[in-house]
Structure formats: structure tokens, C-alpha cells
Amino acid sequence: MLDGAGNLLRNDAPDAVFPWWSFTKPVIAALVLRAAEDGPLDLDAALAGWPFTSRQLLQHRAGLRDYGPLPAYKAAVAARETPWPASRLLAEAHASDLVYPPGQGWLYSNIGYLLLPLELERLHGCDLAHIMQHDILQPLGLGARPAGTREDFEGLHWDTRGYHPGWVYHGCLMGTAADAVRLLHALLEGALLCPSSRGKMLDQQMRNGPRLLSVKAELKPLPNSQPQTQH
């Protein structure tokens, strides 16, 4: 628990390390927004080879489906297989078969947050783990780090039962609860983002959604349903 100035008030598990799962996504979003602030990335330019923009990916409005509900994905994870190459994941998920035209709907998609790190790596000329450490984690003095192997998950506060973090295709940070709160405070109150970029991060664009997909890559809205996600 932090106060408004970012001072730690309470920490009941100072040494417990947790997988941050999709809390890694705000870090990716911050890196994308910072790249747009600095100039090399245009949020409204289409990604090479795709019909949607970085802004639409950030907002889950690109028309991409999600890989979490895929039976083949679930079976491979349960069997403790080695994570697929990203190219196979995109093919299995029919990523190029958009659910709706970019910008015309909303659907939570981990695939979008796989594509954003690839764009960041292209811009920076190094891997996402290095970018997160250099631009976010080290400047904030956080001990969190990306997980890349099953061994990285050994000793976590939660038993991950041999889960390979490579199945989280946008990357998975791991760290203490206190570091997670410090990161959130820095995103919302600190100097990581300029006010304009922070406003973009907080702008909600969930029109015409959320929706569920059937396993046959068809769009089938279900009554009283919530989007299925993987982490």
C-alpha cells in the first residue's frame, strides 16, 4: 500500500514474488506511448503488413481475435509442451482473419499485445526484456524482471505447476506486490508518461464490445457474456 506521494505504508509479503501476467501489458503500453512521444512511432500509422494501427492494438480495437480460447493452445499448455513460435500461434489463431474492420469494434486480444512488442523490438533494435529493464524497471529501482523459462517460475509465491511463461506471448514480468504498486503509481502519477500520453492510456474505447468468439474463428455474440482472456 502506498500513500499519494508513493511512500510504502504497508507490505505484508515483502519477499513474495508473483507472476504479473497481464499487468505486463501496461508496461508495454507505456513503452509504445513513450516511443510515440519521442517520435519514432506513429500511433496512427498502420503496422507493416497489417491493416491496423498501434493505437488500435493498444485499445483492443484492431479486429484481432484472442488465442486464449483455442483448444489446441489449451491442450499444448496442459501437456507442458514447449511454447510455439509466434508464427505458429498467429496461424493457429487465424490472426489475419479479422473479426471486424479495424476501429469498428472492441475485443480483448492478447495477440495485439504480441504484435506491439515486436514493433518495439524493431524500433529499439533489441529484445523486449532489455527495453523493459532499461526504460522502465531500472529507472524506477524495481526488482521485477521478465520470466522466460520454467525455472524462472520456480520459487514463486504461487505454484505455477511447471507452466512455461513463454505461453504468455506478450511477455510476463515477475516481481513483488510492492513493486507492482510502485509501477502502477509511476504510470498514473509519476514521470514515466507525459500528461497527454497518460490520458491516452486511460482513454476507454470499448464501443461495440466486448464479444466472445466460437472455437471455429467465427464471431458469435453471446448474451450476458464477458470476454475470455488468457492472462
Protein backbone atom coordinates (compact mmCIF):
# COMPACT_ATOMS: atom_id res chain seq x y z
CA MET A 1 0.00 0.00 0.00
CA LEU A 2 1.29 3.44 -0.96
CA ASP A 3 0.26 6.92 0.04
CA GLY A 4 -0.43 9.62 -2.52
CA ALA A 5 3.25 10.55 -2.67
CA GLY A 6 4.28 6.98 -3.46
CA ASN A 7 5.61 6.11 0.00
CA LEU A 8 5.15 2.50 1.08
CA LEU A 9 2.75 2.27 4.01
CA ARG A 10 2.25 -1.47 4.33
CA ASN A 11 3.83 -4.59 2.85
CA ASP A 12 2.59 -7.91 4.21
CA ALA A 13 4.69 -10.06 1.86
CA PRO A 14 7.96 -8.21 1.18
CA ASP A 15 9.80 -11.23 -0.22
CA ALA A 16 6.97 -12.97 -2.11
CA VAL A 17 7.43 -12.90 -5.88
CA PHE A 18 4.38 -13.17 -8.12
CA PRO A 19 3.84 -13.57 -11.87
CA TRP A 20 2.43 -10.29 -13.10
CA TRP A 21 0.63 -11.88 -16.06
CA SER A 22 -1.34 -9.16 -17.87
CA PHE A 23 -0.07 -6.45 -15.55
CA THR A 24 2.84 -6.61 -18.00
CA LYS A 25 0.55 -5.03 -20.62
CA PRO A 26 0.60 -1.53 -19.04
CA VAL A 27 4.40 -1.63 -19.25
CA ILE A 28 4.18 -2.46 -22.96
CA ALA A 29 1.61 0.28 -23.43
CA ALA A 30 3.85 2.79 -21.65
CA LEU A 31 6.80 1.84 -23.87
CA VAL A 32 4.67 2.29 -27.00
CA LEU A 33 3.40 5.67 -25.82
CA ARG A 34 6.92 6.80 -24.93
CA ALA A 35 8.09 5.78 -28.40
CA ALA A 36 5.29 7.93 -29.82
CA GLU A 37 6.34 10.84 -27.56
CA ASP A 38 9.94 10.59 -28.76
CA GLY A 39 8.96 10.47 -32.42
CA PRO A 40 9.95 7.12 -33.98
CA LEU A 41 6.47 5.62 -33.68
CA ASP A 42 3.26 7.00 -35.17
CA LEU A 43 0.28 5.67 -33.23
CA ASP A 44 -2.00 6.14 -36.22
CA ALA A 45 0.18 4.57 -38.90
CA ALA A 46 -0.63 1.01 -39.96
CA LEU A 47 1.84 -1.63 -38.84
CA ALA A 48 3.86 -3.12 -41.67
CA GLY A 49 1.90 -5.99 -43.18
CA TRP A 50 -1.25 -5.32 -41.13
CA PRO A 51 -4.31 -3.09 -41.69
CA PHE A 52 -4.47 -1.69 -38.14
CA THR A 53 -2.53 0.86 -36.09
CA SER A 54 -0.64 0.77 -32.81
CA ARG A 55 -3.37 2.87 -31.23
CA GLN A 56 -6.00 0.30 -32.22
CA LEU A 57 -3.85 -2.51 -30.82
CA LEU A 58 -3.44 -0.64 -27.53
CA GLN A 59 -7.21 -0.19 -27.30
CA HIS A 60 -8.10 -3.78 -28.35
CA ARG A 61 -9.90 -2.29 -31.36
CA ALA A 62 -7.80 -3.76 -34.17
CA GLY A 63 -10.23 -6.57 -35.02
CA LEU A 64 -7.89 -9.32 -33.81
CA ARG A 65 -9.26 -12.39 -32.08
CA ASP A 66 -7.66 -13.90 -28.95
CA TYR A 67 -5.69 -17.12 -28.60
CA GLY A 68 -6.82 -17.99 -25.08
CA PRO A 69 -9.94 -19.99 -26.10
CA LEU A 70 -8.14 -22.09 -28.74
CA PRO A 71 -8.45 -25.82 -27.94
CA ALA A 72 -5.03 -26.56 -29.45
CA TYR A 73 -3.45 -23.84 -27.30
CA LYS A 74 -5.09 -25.10 -24.14
CA ALA A 75 -4.08 -28.69 -24.89
CA ALA A 76 -0.46 -27.74 -25.57
CA VAL A 77 -0.23 -25.75 -22.33
CA ALA A 78 -1.81 -28.58 -20.34
CA ALA A 79 0.63 -31.07 -21.87
CA ARG A 80 3.54 -28.81 -20.84
CA GLU A 81 4.75 -28.56 -24.40
CA THR A 82 7.42 -26.08 -25.43
CA PRO A 83 5.75 -22.79 -26.43
CA TRP A 84 5.09 -22.47 -30.14
CA PRO A 85 6.92 -19.95 -32.29
CA ALA A 86 4.92 -16.76 -32.65
CA SER A 87 4.31 -17.57 -36.32
CA ARG A 88 2.50 -20.79 -35.41
CA LEU A 89 0.47 -19.05 -32.72
CA LEU A 90 -0.68 -16.44 -35.25
CA ALA A 91 -1.59 -19.15 -37.74
CA GLU A 92 -3.47 -21.27 -35.19
CA ALA A 93 -5.44 -18.20 -34.08
CA HIS A 94 -6.27 -17.11 -37.65
CA ALA A 95 -4.80 -13.72 -36.78
CA SER A 96 -5.08 -12.38 -40.31
CA ASP A 97 -8.81 -13.17 -40.38
CA LEU A 98 -10.09 -10.09 -38.56
CA VAL A 99 -13.34 -10.22 -36.62
CA TYR A 100 -14.35 -6.70 -37.68
CA PRO A 101 -12.71 -3.83 -39.60
CA PRO A 102 -10.06 -2.07 -37.50
CA GLY A 103 -11.57 0.57 -35.26
CA GLN A 104 -15.15 -0.69 -35.70
CA GLY A 105 -15.48 -2.83 -32.56
CA TRP A 106 -13.81 -3.98 -29.36
CA LEU A 107 -12.48 -7.41 -28.44
CA TYR A 108 -9.82 -8.21 -25.85
CA SER A 109 -6.88 -9.71 -27.70
CA ASN A 110 -3.56 -10.94 -26.37
CA ILE A 111 -2.42 -11.15 -29.98
CA GLY A 112 -2.38 -7.37 -30.21
CA TYR A 113 0.00 -7.26 -27.27
CA LEU A 114 2.20 -9.82 -29.02
CA LEU A 115 2.47 -7.57 -32.08
CA LEU A 116 3.23 -4.40 -30.09
CA PRO A 117 6.44 -5.80 -28.54
CA LEU A 118 7.58 -6.93 -31.98
CA GLU A 119 7.20 -3.35 -33.15
CA LEU A 120 9.09 -2.08 -30.09
CA GLU A 121 11.92 -4.53 -30.76
CA ARG A 122 12.09 -3.33 -34.36
CA LEU A 123 12.32 0.30 -33.25
CA HIS A 124 14.85 -0.26 -30.45
CA GLY A 125 16.96 -2.94 -32.11
CA CYS A 126 16.93 -5.16 -29.02
CA ASP A 127 14.59 -7.57 -27.25
CA LEU A 128 11.63 -6.62 -25.09
CA ALA A 129 13.27 -7.79 -21.87
CA HIS A 130 16.13 -5.33 -22.35
CA ILE A 131 13.77 -2.50 -23.29
CA MET A 132 11.62 -3.01 -20.18
CA GLN A 133 14.66 -3.18 -17.91
CA HIS A 134 16.41 -0.17 -19.43
CA ASP A 135 13.44 2.15 -19.90
CA ILE A 136 11.06 1.26 -17.06
CA LEU A 137 12.23 -1.13 -14.35
CA GLN A 138 15.76 0.10 -13.65
CA PRO A 139 14.91 3.83 -13.66
CA LEU A 140 12.19 3.13 -11.10
CA GLY A 141 14.52 0.99 -8.97
CA LEU A 142 12.26 -2.05 -9.29
CA GLY A 143 13.49 -5.60 -8.82
CA ALA A 144 10.90 -7.06 -11.20
CA ARG A 145 12.19 -8.91 -14.24
CA PRO A 146 10.82 -10.78 -17.26
CA ALA A 147 10.27 -14.52 -16.93
CA GLY A 148 11.47 -16.62 -19.83
CA THR A 149 11.80 -20.21 -18.64
CA ARG A 150 10.06 -22.69 -16.36
CA GLU A 151 12.98 -22.29 -13.97
CA ASP A 152 12.21 -18.58 -13.67
CA PHE A 153 8.86 -19.52 -12.17
CA GLU A 154 10.36 -21.81 -9.51
CA GLY A 155 10.08 -20.31 -6.05
CA LEU A 156 7.16 -18.04 -6.86
CA HIS A 157 4.62 -17.41 -4.15
CA TRP A 158 2.03 -19.20 -6.31
CA ASP A 159 2.63 -22.72 -7.58
CA THR A 160 2.60 -22.49 -11.38
CA ARG A 161 2.87 -26.28 -11.73
CA GLY A 162 5.52 -26.28 -14.40
CA TYR A 163 3.88 -23.61 -16.53
CA HIS A 164 6.19 -22.11 -19.15
CA PRO A 165 5.96 -18.29 -19.23
CA GLY A 166 6.66 -18.42 -22.96
CA TRP A 167 2.99 -19.26 -23.43
CA VAL A 168 2.29 -15.64 -22.45
CA TYR A 169 3.13 -14.21 -25.84
CA HIS A 170 3.33 -10.58 -24.79
CA GLY A 171 5.88 -11.47 -22.10
CA CYS A 172 5.39 -11.92 -18.38
CA LEU A 173 7.05 -9.85 -15.71
CA MET A 174 7.51 -11.25 -12.23
CA GLY A 175 8.08 -9.28 -9.05
CA THR A 176 6.81 -8.39 -5.62
CA ALA A 177 3.43 -6.87 -4.86
CA ALA A 178 5.18 -3.73 -3.60
CA ASP A 179 7.00 -3.30 -6.90
CA ALA A 180 3.73 -3.77 -8.80
CA VAL A 181 2.13 -0.98 -6.75
CA ARG A 182 5.16 1.26 -7.26
CA LEU A 183 4.95 0.67 -11.00
CA LEU A 184 1.24 1.49 -11.07
CA HIS A 185 1.87 4.67 -9.11
CA ALA A 186 4.62 5.67 -11.55
CA LEU A 187 2.31 5.08 -14.51
CA LEU A 188 -0.57 7.07 -13.05
CA GLU A 189 1.21 9.76 -11.03
CA GLY A 190 4.90 9.76 -11.95
CA ALA A 191 7.05 10.98 -14.80
CA LEU A 192 7.04 7.83 -16.93
CA LEU A 193 4.49 9.40 -19.28
CA CYS A 194 3.66 12.94 -20.21
CA PRO A 195 0.09 14.05 -19.35
CA SER A 196 -1.06 13.59 -22.94
CA SER A 197 0.22 10.00 -23.10
CA ARG A 198 -1.24 9.20 -19.71
CA GLY A 199 -4.57 10.43 -20.98
CA LYS A 200 -4.29 8.11 -23.96
CA MET A 201 -3.55 5.18 -21.66
CA LEU A 202 -6.64 5.90 -19.57
CA ASP A 203 -8.96 6.57 -22.52
CA GLN A 204 -11.56 3.79 -22.68
CA GLN A 205 -12.68 2.75 -26.15
CA MET A 206 -14.98 -0.24 -25.64
CA ARG A 207 -17.71 0.62 -28.12
CA ASN A 208 -19.41 -2.31 -29.89
CA GLY A 209 -18.00 -4.87 -27.47
CA PRO A 210 -16.97 -6.95 -25.72
CA ARG A 211 -17.84 -10.13 -27.61
CA LEU A 212 -17.00 -13.82 -27.50
CA LEU A 213 -15.65 -15.97 -30.30
CA SER A 214 -16.52 -19.57 -31.01
CA VAL A 215 -13.66 -22.01 -31.48
CA LYS A 216 -14.32 -22.00 -35.26
CA ALA A 217 -12.98 -18.48 -35.73
CA GLU A 218 -16.47 -17.09 -36.21
CA LEU A 219 -17.94 -14.15 -34.38
CA LYS A 220 -20.85 -15.26 -32.23
CA PRO A 221 -22.04 -12.73 -29.64
CA LEU A 222 -23.37 -14.47 -26.57
CA PRO A 223 -25.93 -12.95 -24.19
CA ASN A 224 -24.72 -11.81 -20.78
CA SER A 225 -21.16 -12.88 -21.54
CA GLN A 226 -17.73 -11.47 -20.80
CA PRO A 227 -14.63 -11.70 -23.00
CA GLN A 228 -12.47 -14.77 -22.46
CA THR A 229 -8.83 -13.89 -21.92
CA GLN A 230 -5.59 -15.68 -21.33
CA HIS A 231 -3.77 -13.80 -18.57
